[in-house]
């Protein structure tokens, strides 16, 4: 299952496609995708029956949010986030 399909809360593939299109059009946006994370940026464990249990937040997510809130930008790596910048 691809990283963009793990989010049951929002259609992440279509949302990502639209945001990437806006970035290509010159909009001042960034897209951070955490492979394997759900909508709330949580990593999960899945039972044999397919039920998910949140295990932890994606590594680097809170550092990225702190940097953006503090500086209005992000720099460097934030766990395994795949970041699309303008």
Protein backbone atom coordinates (compact mmCIF):
# COMPACT_ATOMS: atom_id res chain seq x y z
CA UNK A 1 0.00 0.00 0.00
CA UNK A 2 1.47 3.37 -1.01
CA UNK A 3 2.22 6.12 1.49
CA UNK A 4 -0.55 8.33 0.16
CA UNK A 5 -3.17 5.62 0.70
CA UNK A 6 -2.66 5.21 4.42
CA UNK A 7 -4.78 8.21 5.32
CA UNK A 8 -8.41 7.12 5.76
CA UNK A 9 -9.55 10.63 6.77
CA UNK A 10 -8.80 12.56 3.59
CA UNK A 11 -8.16 11.70 -0.06
CA UNK A 12 -4.43 12.32 0.25
CA UNK A 13 -3.45 11.44 -3.32
CA UNK A 14 -5.87 13.97 -4.81
CA UNK A 15 -5.10 16.58 -2.15
CA UNK A 16 -1.36 16.18 -2.78
CA UNK A 17 -1.86 16.44 -6.53
CA UNK A 18 -3.80 19.68 -6.14
CA UNK A 19 -1.28 21.23 -3.73
CA UNK A 20 1.65 20.23 -5.97
CA UNK A 21 -0.16 21.86 -8.91
CA UNK A 22 -0.57 25.10 -6.93
CA UNK A 23 3.14 25.01 -5.99
CA UNK A 24 4.04 24.61 -9.69
CA UNK A 25 1.80 27.60 -10.44
CA UNK A 26 3.95 29.71 -8.11
CA UNK A 27 1.78 29.72 -5.00
CA UNK A 28 3.80 30.09 -1.77
CA UNK A 29 2.87 26.68 -0.38
CA UNK A 30 4.75 23.67 0.92
CA UNK A 31 3.61 20.08 1.13
CA UNK A 32 5.04 17.68 3.70
CA UNK A 33 4.11 14.04 3.31
CA UNK A 34 5.04 11.53 5.98
CA UNK A 35 5.04 8.05 4.41
CA UNK A 36 3.17 5.58 6.57
CA UNK A 37 1.45 8.22 8.73
CA UNK A 38 -2.27 8.67 9.10
CA UNK A 39 -4.12 11.99 8.85
CA UNK A 40 -3.19 13.05 12.39
CA UNK A 41 0.52 12.44 11.64
CA UNK A 42 0.43 9.29 13.75
CA UNK A 43 2.25 6.12 12.91
CA UNK A 44 0.25 2.99 13.62
CA UNK A 45 0.43 -0.71 14.19
CA UNK A 46 -2.04 -2.88 12.36
CA UNK A 47 -3.53 -6.08 13.74
CA UNK A 48 -3.98 -9.20 11.65
CA UNK A 49 -7.66 -8.25 11.40
CA UNK A 50 -6.66 -4.92 9.82
CA UNK A 51 -7.48 -2.71 12.81
CA UNK A 52 -5.12 0.18 13.42
CA UNK A 53 -3.78 1.44 16.72
CA UNK A 54 -1.84 4.71 16.85
CA UNK A 55 1.65 4.07 18.19
CA UNK A 56 3.44 7.46 18.02
CA UNK A 57 3.66 10.69 16.06
CA UNK A 58 5.75 10.81 12.92
CA UNK A 59 9.38 11.63 13.71
CA UNK A 60 10.17 15.25 12.97
CA UNK A 61 6.57 16.44 12.69
CA UNK A 62 6.55 18.56 15.84
CA UNK A 63 10.03 19.98 15.06
CA UNK A 64 8.76 21.05 11.66
CA UNK A 65 5.67 22.70 13.16
CA UNK A 66 7.83 24.47 15.77
CA UNK A 67 10.23 25.77 13.14
CA UNK A 68 7.40 27.03 10.95
CA UNK A 69 5.56 28.66 13.87
CA UNK A 70 8.75 30.28 15.14
CA UNK A 71 10.42 31.31 11.87
CA UNK A 72 7.70 31.16 9.22
CA UNK A 73 9.77 28.61 7.31
CA UNK A 74 11.28 25.17 7.60
CA UNK A 75 14.77 23.98 6.81
CA UNK A 76 16.63 20.75 7.03
CA UNK A 77 15.17 17.30 7.45
CA UNK A 78 12.18 16.33 9.54
CA UNK A 79 12.24 12.58 9.92
CA UNK A 80 11.34 10.91 6.66
CA UNK A 81 9.02 13.73 5.50
CA UNK A 82 8.88 14.19 1.76
CA UNK A 83 8.74 17.96 1.39
CA UNK A 84 7.70 19.78 -1.78
CA UNK A 85 8.76 23.43 -1.68
CA UNK A 86 8.01 26.33 -4.03
